[in-house]
C-alpha atoms as a PDB file:
ATOM      1  CA  MET A   1      23.090 -18.536  10.414  1.00  0.00           C
ATOM      2  CA  SER A   2      26.822 -18.940  10.551  1.00  0.00           C
ATOM      3  CA  SER A   3      28.732 -17.197  13.312  1.00  0.00           C
ATOM      4  CA  ARG A   4      30.318 -14.907  10.705  1.00  0.00           C
ATOM      5  CA  PHE A   5      27.211 -12.715  10.937  1.00  0.00           C
ATOM      6  CA  SER A   6      27.218  -9.935  13.528  1.00  0.00           C
ATOM      7  CA  PRO A   7      23.743  -8.479  13.168  1.00  0.00           C
ATOM      8  CA  ALA A   8      23.293  -4.735  13.356  1.00  0.00           C
ATOM      9  CA  ARG A   9      19.708  -5.404  14.440  1.00  0.00           C
ATOM     10  CA  PRO A  10      17.954  -8.477  15.876  1.00  0.00           C
ATOM     11  CA  THR A  11      17.709 -11.541  13.674  1.00  0.00           C
ATOM     12  CA  ARG A  12      14.197 -12.295  12.442  1.00  0.00           C
ATOM     13  CA  ARG A  13      13.037 -15.887  12.054  1.00  0.00           C
ATOM     14  CA  TRP A  14       9.819 -17.078  10.457  1.00  0.00           C
ATOM     15  CA  PRO A  15       8.544 -20.493  11.574  1.00  0.00           C
ATOM     16  CA  GLU A  16       6.593 -22.938   9.455  1.00  0.00           C
ATOM     17  CA  ARG A  17       3.636 -21.466   7.616  1.00  0.00           C
ATOM     18  CA  SER A  18       0.342 -23.047   6.589  1.00  0.00           C
ATOM     19  CA  LEU A  19       1.102 -22.851   2.862  1.00  0.00           C
ATOM     20  CA  GLY A  20       4.566 -24.362   3.162  1.00  0.00           C
ATOM     21  CA  SER A  21       7.098 -25.983   5.442  1.00  0.00           C
ATOM     22  CA  TRP A  22      10.053 -23.670   5.063  1.00  0.00           C
ATOM     23  CA  ALA A  23      11.490 -21.082   7.400  1.00  0.00           C
ATOM     24  CA  LEU A  24      13.683 -18.034   6.896  1.00  0.00           C
ATOM     25  CA  VAL A  25      16.412 -16.123   8.703  1.00  0.00           C
ATOM     26  CA  VAL A  26      17.048 -12.439   7.949  1.00  0.00           C
ATOM     27  CA  ASP A  27      20.333 -11.125   9.322  1.00  0.00           C
ATOM     28  CA  ARG A  28      22.636  -8.132   8.956  1.00  0.00           C
ATOM     29  CA  TYR A  29      26.365  -7.659   8.691  1.00  0.00           C
ATOM     30  CA  PRO A  30      27.813  -4.905  10.921  1.00  0.00           C
ATOM     31  CA  ASP A  31      27.901  -2.521   7.926  1.00  0.00           C
ATOM     32  CA  GLY A  32      24.190  -3.073   7.234  1.00  0.00           C
ATOM     33  CA  ASP A  33      24.419  -5.547   4.343  1.00  0.00           C
ATOM     34  CA  VAL A  34      21.442  -7.883   4.321  1.00  0.00           C
ATOM     35  CA  ALA A  35      21.997 -11.634   4.698  1.00  0.00           C
ATOM     36  CA  GLU A  36      19.182 -14.124   4.258  1.00  0.00           C
ATOM     37  CA  GLN A  37      18.970 -17.900   4.364  1.00  0.00           C
ATOM     38  CA  LEU A  38      16.209 -20.388   3.607  1.00  0.00           C
ATOM     39  CA  LEU A  39      16.254 -23.130   6.224  1.00  0.00           C
ATOM     40  CA  ASP A  40      14.316 -25.644   4.115  1.00  0.00           C
ATOM     41  CA  SER A  41      14.207 -26.671   0.465  1.00  0.00           C
ATOM     42  CA  VAL A  42      12.038 -24.813  -2.041  1.00  0.00           C
ATOM     43  CA  ARG A  43      13.170 -26.905  -5.016  1.00  0.00           C
ATOM     44  CA  ARG A  44      10.393 -27.202  -7.618  1.00  0.00           C
ATOM     45  CA  LYS A  45       7.929 -25.505  -5.251  1.00  0.00           C
ATOM     46  CA  GLU A  46       5.517 -22.642  -5.830  1.00  0.00           C
ATOM     47  CA  VAL A  47       6.820 -19.787  -3.658  1.00  0.00           C
ATOM     48  CA  PHE A  48       4.873 -16.724  -2.504  1.00  0.00           C
ATOM     49  CA  LEU A  49       6.880 -13.922  -0.926  1.00  0.00           C
ATOM     50  CA  VAL A  50       4.821 -11.429   1.092  1.00  0.00           C
ATOM     51  CA  GLN A  51       6.647  -8.141   1.640  1.00  0.00           C
ATOM     52  CA  PRO A  52       5.281  -4.586   1.420  1.00  0.00           C
ATOM     53  CA  THR A  53       8.013  -2.150   0.415  1.00  0.00           C
ATOM     54  CA  SER A  54       6.886   0.326   3.056  1.00  0.00           C
ATOM     55  CA  PRO A  55       9.146   2.553   5.193  1.00  0.00           C
ATOM     56  CA  PRO A  56      12.024   1.912   5.470  1.00  0.00           C
ATOM     57  CA  VAL A  57      11.439   1.390   1.747  1.00  0.00           C
ATOM     58  CA  ASN A  58      15.008   0.613   0.714  1.00  0.00           C
ATOM     59  CA  ASP A  59      15.534  -1.968   3.482  1.00  0.00           C
ATOM     60  CA  HIS A  60      12.305  -3.783   2.644  1.00  0.00           C
ATOM     61  CA  LEU A  61      12.974  -3.703  -1.101  1.00  0.00           C
ATOM     62  CA  ILE A  62      16.481  -5.130  -0.711  1.00  0.00           C
ATOM     63  CA  GLU A  63      15.210  -7.836   1.654  1.00  0.00           C
ATOM     64  CA  LEU A  64      12.601  -8.852  -0.928  1.00  0.00           C
ATOM     65  CA  LEU A  65      15.179  -8.898  -3.730  1.00  0.00           C
ATOM     66  CA  ALA A  66      17.593 -10.968  -1.640  1.00  0.00           C
ATOM     67  CA  LEU A  67      14.908 -13.487  -0.741  1.00  0.00           C
ATOM     68  CA  ALA A  68      13.754 -13.786  -4.355  1.00  0.00           C
ATOM     69  CA  ASP A  69      17.318 -14.411  -5.469  1.00  0.00           C
ATOM     70  CA  ALA A  70      17.775 -17.038  -2.743  1.00  0.00           C
ATOM     71  CA  CYS A  71      14.624 -18.830  -3.908  1.00  0.00           C
ATOM     72  CA  ARG A  72      15.673 -18.636  -7.572  1.00  0.00           C
ATOM     73  CA  ARG A  73      19.119 -20.063  -6.819  1.00  0.00           C
ATOM     74  CA  ALA A  74      17.471 -22.781  -4.709  1.00  0.00           C
ATOM     75  CA  SER A  75      15.501 -23.895  -7.816  1.00  0.00           C
ATOM     76  CA  ALA A  76      12.021 -22.714  -6.869  1.00  0.00           C
ATOM     77  CA  ALA A  77       9.540 -23.548  -9.623  1.00  0.00           C
ATOM     78  CA  ARG A  78       7.930 -20.115  -9.647  1.00  0.00           C
ATOM     79  CA  ILE A  79       8.258 -17.052  -7.424  1.00  0.00           C
ATOM     80  CA  THR A  80       5.318 -14.731  -6.873  1.00  0.00           C
ATOM     81  CA  ALA A  81       5.891 -11.497  -4.981  1.00  0.00           C
ATOM     82  CA  ILE A  82       2.897 -10.278  -2.992  1.00  0.00           C
ATOM     83  CA  VAL A  83       3.704  -6.610  -2.431  1.00  0.00           C
ATOM     84  CA  PRO A  84       0.630  -5.120  -0.711  1.00  0.00           C
ATOM     85  CA  PHE A  85       2.193  -1.654  -0.786  1.00  0.00           C
ATOM     86  CA  PHE A  86       4.472  -0.882  -3.737  1.00  0.00           C
ATOM     87  CA  GLY A  87       7.081   1.663  -2.679  1.00  0.00           C
ATOM     88  CA  TYR A  88       8.328   4.233  -5.206  1.00  0.00           C
ATOM     89  CA  GLY A  89       4.851   4.144  -6.753  1.00  0.00           C
ATOM     90  CA  ARG A  90       4.705   7.954  -6.836  1.00  0.00           C
ATOM     91  CA  ALA A  91       7.892   8.112  -8.943  1.00  0.00           C
ATOM     92  CA  ASP A  92       6.182   6.992 -12.163  1.00  0.00           C
ATOM     93  CA  LYS A  93       7.268   9.895 -14.429  1.00  0.00           C
ATOM     94  CA  ARG A  94      10.008  12.481 -14.777  1.00  0.00           C
ATOM     95  CA  ASN A  95       7.826  15.607 -14.670  1.00  0.00           C
ATOM     96  CA  GLY A  96      10.028  17.150 -17.371  1.00  0.00           C
ATOM     97  CA  ARG A  97      13.077  17.174 -15.100  1.00  0.00           C
ATOM     98  CA  ARG A  98      16.360  15.270 -14.948  1.00  0.00           C
ATOM     99  CA  GLU A  99      15.231  12.666 -12.425  1.00  0.00           C
ATOM    100  CA  PRO A 100      14.790   8.879 -12.317  1.00  0.00           C
ATOM    101  CA  ILE A 101      11.576   6.925 -12.791  1.00  0.00           C
ATOM    102  CA  MET A 102      12.082   4.818  -9.679  1.00  0.00           C
ATOM    103  CA  ALA A 103       8.864   2.824 -10.110  1.00  0.00           C
ATOM    104  CA  ARG A 104      10.366   1.400 -13.311  1.00  0.00           C
ATOM    105  CA  VAL A 105      13.720   0.775 -11.601  1.00  0.00           C
ATOM    106  CA  ALA A 106      12.011  -1.146  -8.770  1.00  0.00           C
ATOM    107  CA  ALA A 107      10.013  -3.170 -11.317  1.00  0.00           C
ATOM    108  CA  ASP A 108      13.173  -4.083 -13.224  1.00  0.00           C
ATOM    109  CA  LEU A 109      14.978  -5.129 -10.039  1.00  0.00           C
ATOM    110  CA  LEU A 110      12.140  -7.431  -8.962  1.00  0.00           C
ATOM    111  CA  GLN A 111      12.149  -9.193 -12.319  1.00  0.00           C
ATOM    112  CA  VAL A 112      15.939  -9.514 -12.509  1.00  0.00           C
ATOM    113  CA  ALA A 113      15.887 -11.104  -9.048  1.00  0.00           C
ATOM    114  CA  GLY A 114      13.699 -13.914 -10.413  1.00  0.00           C
ATOM    115  CA  ILE A 115      10.145 -12.850  -9.575  1.00  0.00           C
ATOM    116  CA  SER A 116       7.765 -14.061 -12.279  1.00  0.00           C
ATOM    117  CA  ASN A 117       4.446 -12.737 -10.935  1.00  0.00           C
ATOM    118  CA  VAL A 118       3.532  -9.698  -8.842  1.00  0.00           C
ATOM    119  CA  VAL A 119       0.423  -9.165  -6.733  1.00  0.00           C
ATOM    120  CA  THR A 120      -0.177  -5.735  -5.244  1.00  0.00           C
ATOM    121  CA  VAL A 121      -3.002  -3.682  -3.737  1.00  0.00           C
ATOM    122  CA  ASP A 122      -4.143  -0.278  -5.022  1.00  0.00           C
ATOM    123  CA  LEU A 123      -1.124   0.891  -6.998  1.00  0.00           C
ATOM    124  CA  HIS A 124      -0.620   4.642  -6.785  1.00  0.00           C
ATOM    125  CA  THR A 125      -1.087   4.879 -10.551  1.00  0.00           C
ATOM    126  CA  PRO A 126      -2.389   2.086 -12.829  1.00  0.00           C
ATOM    127  CA  GLN A 127       0.327   2.651 -15.458  1.00  0.00           C
ATOM    128  CA  ILE A 128       2.937   1.164 -13.105  1.00  0.00           C
ATOM    129  CA  GLU A 129       1.662  -2.249 -14.197  1.00  0.00           C
ATOM    130  CA  GLY A 130       3.108  -1.447 -17.640  1.00  0.00           C
ATOM    131  CA  PHE A 131       6.603  -1.166 -16.154  1.00  0.00           C
ATOM    132  CA  PHE A 132       6.629  -4.937 -15.623  1.00  0.00           C
ATOM    133  CA  HIS A 133       7.126  -7.614 -18.260  1.00  0.00           C
ATOM    134  CA  ALA A 134       5.904 -10.101 -15.645  1.00  0.00           C
ATOM    135  CA  PRO A 135       2.143 -10.450 -15.058  1.00  0.00           C
ATOM    136  CA  VAL A 136       0.820  -8.023 -12.423  1.00  0.00           C
ATOM    137  CA  ASP A 137      -2.412  -8.624 -10.515  1.00  0.00           C
ATOM    138  CA  SER A 138      -3.441  -5.310  -8.978  1.00  0.00           C
ATOM    139  CA  LEU A 139      -6.061  -5.921  -6.313  1.00  0.00           C
ATOM    140  CA  THR A 140      -8.177  -3.202  -4.754  1.00  0.00           C
ATOM    141  CA  ALA A 141      -9.144  -2.735  -1.123  1.00  0.00           C
ATOM    142  CA  VAL A 142     -12.024  -0.385  -1.957  1.00  0.00           C
ATOM    143  CA  PRO A 143     -14.785  -3.017  -1.449  1.00  0.00           C
ATOM    144  CA  THR A 144     -13.144  -4.102   1.823  1.00  0.00           C
ATOM    145  CA  LEU A 145     -13.016  -0.528   3.118  1.00  0.00           C
ATOM    146  CA  CYS A 146     -16.532   0.183   1.862  1.00  0.00           C
ATOM    147  CA  ARG A 147     -17.922  -2.657   3.948  1.00  0.00           C
ATOM    148  CA  ALA A 148     -16.187  -1.206   7.006  1.00  0.00           C
ATOM    149  CA  VAL A 149     -17.206   2.401   6.357  1.00  0.00           C
ATOM    150  CA  ARG A 150     -20.768   1.925   5.071  1.00  0.00           C
ATOM    151  CA  ASP A 151     -22.478   1.776   8.471  1.00  0.00           C
ATOM    152  CA  ARG A 152     -20.265   4.457  10.026  1.00  0.00           C
ATOM    153  CA  VAL A 153     -21.186   7.411   7.835  1.00  0.00           C
ATOM    154  CA  PRO A 154     -24.362   9.537   7.574  1.00  0.00           C
ATOM    155  CA  ALA A 155     -26.776   9.321   4.652  1.00  0.00           C
ATOM    156  CA  ASP A 156     -26.126  12.878   3.397  1.00  0.00           C
ATOM    157  CA  LEU A 157     -22.437  12.181   2.791  1.00  0.00           C
ATOM    158  CA  VAL A 158     -20.291  13.410  -0.093  1.00  0.00           C
ATOM    159  CA  VAL A 159     -17.186  11.482  -1.174  1.00  0.00           C
ATOM    160  CA  VAL A 160     -14.130  13.689  -1.612  1.00  0.00           C
ATOM    161  CA  SER A 161     -11.256  12.997  -3.997  1.00  0.00           C
ATOM    162  CA  PRO A 162      -8.170  14.901  -2.773  1.00  0.00           C
ATOM    163  CA  ASP A 163      -6.938  15.370  -6.367  1.00  0.00           C
ATOM    164  CA  VAL A 164      -7.904  14.501  -9.932  1.00  0.00           C
ATOM    165  CA  GLY A 165      -5.828  11.316  -9.791  1.00  0.00           C
ATOM    166  CA  ARG A 166      -8.157   9.783  -7.207  1.00  0.00           C
ATOM    167  CA  VAL A 167     -11.455  10.571  -8.968  1.00  0.00           C
ATOM    168  CA  ALA A 168     -11.881   6.993 -10.217  1.00  0.00           C
ATOM    169  CA  MET A 169     -11.300   5.640  -6.702  1.00  0.00           C
ATOM    170  CA  ALA A 170     -13.711   8.185  -5.189  1.00  0.00           C
ATOM    171  CA  THR A 171     -16.330   7.189  -7.754  1.00  0.00           C
ATOM    172  CA  ARG A 172     -16.004   3.527  -6.751  1.00  0.00           C
ATOM    173  CA  TYR A 173     -16.479   4.490  -3.098  1.00  0.00           C
ATOM    174  CA  ALA A 174     -19.542   6.569  -3.992  1.00  0.00           C
ATOM    175  CA  GLU A 175     -21.086   3.721  -5.987  1.00  0.00           C
ATOM    176  CA  GLN A 176     -20.214   0.808  -3.696  1.00  0.00           C
ATOM    177  CA  CYS A 177     -20.354   2.442  -0.313  1.00  0.00           C
ATOM    178  CA  VAL A 178     -22.949   5.145   0.100  1.00  0.00           C
ATOM    179  CA  GLY A 179     -24.366   6.064  -3.297  1.00  0.00           C
ATOM    180  CA  ALA A 180     -23.193   9.639  -2.736  1.00  0.00           C
ATOM    181  CA  SER A 181     -21.997  12.409  -5.035  1.00  0.00           C
ATOM    182  CA  VAL A 182     -18.291  13.078  -5.622  1.00  0.00           C
ATOM    183  CA  VAL A 183     -16.411  16.286  -4.882  1.00  0.00           C
ATOM    184  CA  VAL A 184     -12.938  16.909  -6.305  1.00  0.00           C
ATOM    185  CA  LEU A 185     -10.199  19.047  -4.779  1.00  0.00           C
ATOM    186  CA  HIS A 186      -7.562  20.687  -6.945  1.00  0.00           C
ATOM    187  CA  LYS A 187      -4.154  20.938  -5.338  1.00  0.00           C
ATOM    188  CA  ARG A 188      -0.602  21.887  -6.141  1.00  0.00           C
ATOM    189  CA  HIS A 189       2.574  20.466  -4.639  1.00  0.00           C
ATOM    190  CA  VAL A 190       4.588  22.990  -2.667  1.00  0.00           C
ATOM    191  CA  SER A 191       7.262  20.390  -1.887  1.00  0.00           C
ATOM    192  CA  GLY A 192       7.644  16.622  -1.702  1.00  0.00           C
ATOM    193  CA  SER A 193       5.759  16.578   1.611  1.00  0.00           C
ATOM    194  CA  GLU A 194       3.538  19.660   1.370  1.00  0.00           C
ATOM    195  CA  THR A 195       0.483  20.385  -0.779  1.00  0.00           C
ATOM    196  CA  LYS A 196      -1.935  23.296  -1.108  1.00  0.00           C
ATOM    197  CA  VAL A 197      -5.617  22.932  -2.048  1.00  0.00           C
ATOM    198  CA  THR A 198      -6.616  25.669  -4.502  1.00  0.00           C
ATOM    199  CA  HIS A 199     -10.209  24.785  -5.489  1.00  0.00           C
ATOM    200  CA  VAL A 200     -13.137  22.719  -4.233  1.00  0.00           C
ATOM    201  CA  VAL A 201     -15.160  21.437  -7.206  1.00  0.00           C
ATOM    202  CA  GLY A 202     -18.643  20.540  -5.977  1.00  0.00           C
ATOM    203  CA  ASP A 203     -21.037  21.509  -3.207  1.00  0.00           C
ATOM    204  CA  VAL A 204     -20.122  20.467   0.347  1.00  0.00           C
ATOM    205  CA  SER A 205     -22.156  23.084   2.216  1.00  0.00           C
ATOM    206  CA  GLY A 206     -23.745  21.533   5.298  1.00  0.00           C
ATOM    207  CA  ARG A 207     -22.648  18.023   4.267  1.00  0.00           C
ATOM    208  CA  ALA A 208     -20.534  15.403   6.008  1.00  0.00           C
ATOM    209  CA  CYS A 209     -17.483  14.264   4.011  1.00  0.00           C
ATOM    210  CA  LEU A 210     -15.647  11.010   3.321  1.00  0.00           C
ATOM    211  CA  ILE A 211     -12.105  11.795   2.124  1.00  0.00           C
ATOM    212  CA  VAL A 212     -10.603   8.856   0.221  1.00  0.00           C
ATOM    213  CA  ASP A 213      -7.077   8.223  -1.006  1.00  0.00           C
ATOM    214  CA  ASP A 214      -4.754   5.365  -1.848  1.00  0.00           C
ATOM    215  CA  MET A 215      -2.314   6.265   0.934  1.00  0.00           C
ATOM    216  CA  ILE A 216      -1.732   8.532   3.905  1.00  0.00           C
ATOM    217  CA  SER A 217       1.954   9.367   4.195  1.00  0.00           C
ATOM    218  CA  THR A 218       2.677  12.581   6.106  1.00  0.00           C
ATOM    219  CA  GLY A 219      -1.016  13.449   6.343  1.00  0.00           C
ATOM    220  CA  GLY A 220      -0.408  16.788   4.650  1.00  0.00           C
ATOM    221  CA  THR A 221      -2.870  16.203   1.802  1.00  0.00           C
ATOM    222  CA  VAL A 222      -5.647  15.113   4.170  1.00  0.00           C
ATOM    223  CA  ALA A 223      -4.988  18.027   6.541  1.00  0.00           C
ATOM    224  CA  GLU A 224      -5.183  20.541   3.679  1.00  0.00           C
ATOM    225  CA  SER A 225      -8.317  18.819   2.381  1.00  0.00           C
ATOM    226  CA  ILE A 226     -10.004  19.129   5.780  1.00  0.00           C
ATOM    227  CA  LYS A 227      -9.135  22.830   5.966  1.00  0.00           C
ATOM    228  CA  ALA A 228     -10.485  23.488   2.456  1.00  0.00           C
ATOM    229  CA  LEU A 229     -13.698  21.527   3.034  1.00  0.00           C
ATOM    230  CA  LEU A 230     -14.502  23.314   6.298  1.00  0.00           C
ATOM    231  CA  ALA A 231     -13.782  26.664   4.662  1.00  0.00           C
ATOM    232  CA  ALA A 232     -16.259  25.695   1.919  1.00  0.00           C
ATOM    233  CA  GLY A 233     -18.973  25.081   4.533  1.00  0.00           C
ATOM    234  CA  ALA A 234     -18.725  21.331   5.085  1.00  0.00           C
ATOM    235  CA  ARG A 235     -20.155  19.985   8.313  1.00  0.00           C
ATOM    236  CA  PRO A 236     -17.395  19.220  10.865  1.00  0.00           C
ATOM    237  CA  GLU A 237     -18.090  15.509  10.512  1.00  0.00           C
ATOM    238  CA  ILE A 238     -15.318  14.026   8.392  1.00  0.00           C
ATOM    239  CA  VAL A 239     -14.262  10.404   7.873  1.00  0.00           C
ATOM    240  CA  VAL A 240     -10.991   9.480   6.136  1.00  0.00           C
ATOM    241  CA  ALA A 241     -10.394   6.199   4.289  1.00  0.00           C
ATOM    242  CA  ALA A 242      -7.139   5.121   2.638  1.00  0.00           C
ATOM    243  CA  THR A 243      -5.705   1.777   1.617  1.00  0.00           C
ATOM    244  CA  HIS A 244      -2.166   2.322   2.900  1.00  0.00           C
ATOM    245  CA  GLY A 245      -1.565   3.996   6.262  1.00  0.00           C
ATOM    246  CA  LEU A 246       2.136   4.922   6.303  1.00  0.00           C
ATOM    247  CA  PHE A 247       1.774   7.654   8.958  1.00  0.00           C
ATOM    248  CA  VAL A 248       5.318   9.016   8.710  1.00  0.00           C
ATOM    249  CA  PHE A 249       6.701  12.133  10.349  1.00  0.00           C
ATOM    250  CA  ASP A 250       3.908  14.111  12.040  1.00  0.00           C
ATOM    251  CA  ALA A 251       0.969  12.446  10.282  1.00  0.00           C
ATOM    252  CA  ARG A 252      -1.005  11.582  13.397  1.00  0.00           C
ATOM    253  CA  ASN A 253      -0.914  15.128  14.751  1.00  0.00           C
ATOM    254  CA  ARG A 254      -1.971  16.495  11.365  1.00  0.00           C
ATOM    255  CA  LEU A 255      -4.997  14.184  11.379  1.00  0.00           C
ATOM    256  CA  ASN A 256      -5.806  14.971  15.012  1.00  0.00           C
ATOM    257  CA  HIS A 257      -8.483  17.483  14.030  1.00  0.00           C
ATOM    258  CA  PRO A 258     -11.755  17.847  15.997  1.00  0.00           C
ATOM    259  CA  ALA A 259     -13.728  17.457  12.754  1.00  0.00           C
ATOM    260  CA  VAL A 260     -12.228  14.008  12.024  1.00  0.00           C
ATOM    261  CA  ARG A 261     -14.482  11.280  13.381  1.00  0.00           C
ATOM    262  CA  GLU A 262     -12.589   8.192  12.166  1.00  0.00           C
ATOM    263  CA  VAL A 263      -9.612   7.212  10.025  1.00  0.00           C
ATOM    264  CA  PHE A 264      -9.860   3.890   8.168  1.00  0.00           C
ATOM    265  CA  VAL A 265      -6.791   2.158   6.702  1.00  0.00           C
ATOM    266  CA  THR A 266      -5.902  -1.445   5.884  1.00  0.00           C
ATOM    267  CA  ASP A 267      -3.072  -3.620   7.165  1.00  0.00           C
ATOM    268  CA  THR A 268      -1.146  -3.582   3.873  1.00  0.00           C
ATOM    269  CA  VAL A 269       1.374  -1.683   5.988  1.00  0.00           C
ATOM    270  CA  ARG A 270       1.999  -2.409   9.638  1.00  0.00           C
ATOM    271  CA  THR A 271       1.102   0.666  11.631  1.00  0.00           C
ATOM    272  CA  ALA A 272       3.083   1.572  14.710  1.00  0.00           C
ATOM    273  CA  GLU A 273       0.380   3.919  15.958  1.00  0.00           C
ATOM    274  CA  LYS A 274      -1.028   2.948  19.369  1.00  0.00           C
ATOM    275  CA  ASP A 275      -3.819   4.375  21.515  1.00  0.00           C
ATOM    276  CA  TRP A 276      -5.367   6.305  18.621  1.00  0.00           C
ATOM    277  CA  PRO A 277      -9.142   6.092  19.251  1.00  0.00           C
ATOM    278  CA  GLN A 278     -10.099   7.347  15.778  1.00  0.00           C
ATOM    279  CA  LEU A 279      -7.951   4.810  13.898  1.00  0.00           C
ATOM    280  CA  ARG A 280      -9.585   1.687  12.411  1.00  0.00           C
ATOM    281  CA  VAL A 281      -7.308  -0.906  10.766  1.00  0.00           C
ATOM    282  CA  ILE A 282      -9.116  -3.269   8.386  1.00  0.00           C
ATOM    283  CA  SER A 283      -7.503  -6.549   7.327  1.00  0.00           C
ATOM    284  CA  VAL A 284      -6.913  -7.377   3.661  1.00  0.00           C
ATOM    285  CA  ALA A 285      -5.836 -10.924   4.517  1.00  0.00           C
ATOM    286  CA  PRO A 286      -8.982 -12.452   2.917  1.00  0.00           C
ATOM    287  CA  LEU A 287      -8.366 -10.419  -0.253  1.00  0.00           C
ATOM    288  CA  ILE A 288      -4.761 -11.631  -0.573  1.00  0.00           C
ATOM    289  CA  ALA A 289      -5.634 -15.188   0.460  1.00  0.00           C
ATOM    290  CA  GLY A 290      -8.233 -15.277  -2.301  1.00  0.00           C
ATOM    291  CA  ALA A 291      -5.596 -14.240  -4.842  1.00  0.00           C
ATOM    292  CA  VAL A 292      -3.239 -17.002  -3.674  1.00  0.00           C
ATOM    293  CA  GLN A 293      -6.027 -19.575  -3.840  1.00  0.00           C
ATOM    294  CA  ARG A 294      -6.792 -18.569  -7.419  1.00  0.00           C
ATOM    295  CA  PHE A 295      -3.120 -18.933  -8.324  1.00  0.00           C
ATOM    296  CA  LEU A 296      -3.147 -22.475  -6.950  1.00  0.00           C
ATOM    297  CA  ALA A 297      -6.681 -23.419  -7.998  1.00  0.00           C
ATOM    298  CA  LYS A 298      -5.684 -25.672 -10.896  1.00  0.00           C
ATOM    299  CA  GLY A 299      -2.439 -26.830  -9.356  1.00  0.00           C
ATOM    300  CA  ALA A 300      -0.425 -26.165 -12.474  1.00  0.00           C
ATOM    301  CA  LEU A 301       2.351 -23.673 -13.132  1.00  0.00           C
ATOM    302  CA  GLY A 302       1.764 -21.132 -15.827  1.00  0.00           C
ATOM    303  CA  GLU A 303      -1.970 -20.787 -15.135  1.00  0.00           C
ATOM    304  CA  SER A 304      -2.853 -17.460 -13.579  1.00  0.00           C
ATOM    305  CA  TYR A 305      -6.271 -16.238 -12.562  1.00  0.00           C
END
């Protein structure tokens, strides 16, 4: 980068990668503006940008937009954004109030920046795909997590959906993982970071539980779920599985319950948690690599899988 940049945080450089021969510099002006530069040509090349828009969401989203724009202006043939975790996914409706639908705003920004295809993993709600005009390939980490969890749970398990929105996911876990029954929790939102479980629909008495979700953010939903399940007579033998482990604020302490045996998440988001014996991080690299291979299988632009 030119000497005009005075980074507010350390410069990040990416060396050559196996799928290409270009490198990247991400820098910051003193006021926080992002500055990015491709160090090699991407002219007429197929470009895949891998960037989860995880916390800090706004920084990661702007970095992805800036990089997409740099590739577009450098005449890349096609730009595919691989966004393992799609930030703002929970803001998919207005809830009858005067508020933005930020999932749609983020989708519009990605397309305006020049991204022509999007690959993501376990969107918070399936309808987000409809916010894009560009093709969206929504992968799921459920089979990957099932393979990791299958041999770590007892035979008399019940799969627990923490709300009605995760029933379909819980059903897939029950079918693919343990062949168990599904229990549904009804909850209400007290605030943006706090929920309250009001009903347990199904029998958990004397049973071990597998709580599944698409993400763990503050851990509040899981903590309330554990409390409700134990109050309903569940055995204090609980396993938690979620695709995206954000673990913000006091999430680890909330999940540090004696009844929790293990917490499974994937590496769609880099976790900063260290020395957490119950945490198991499962890689989705083969899942994403398979998607990229299918994009490139016929070696022709315009052919998706």
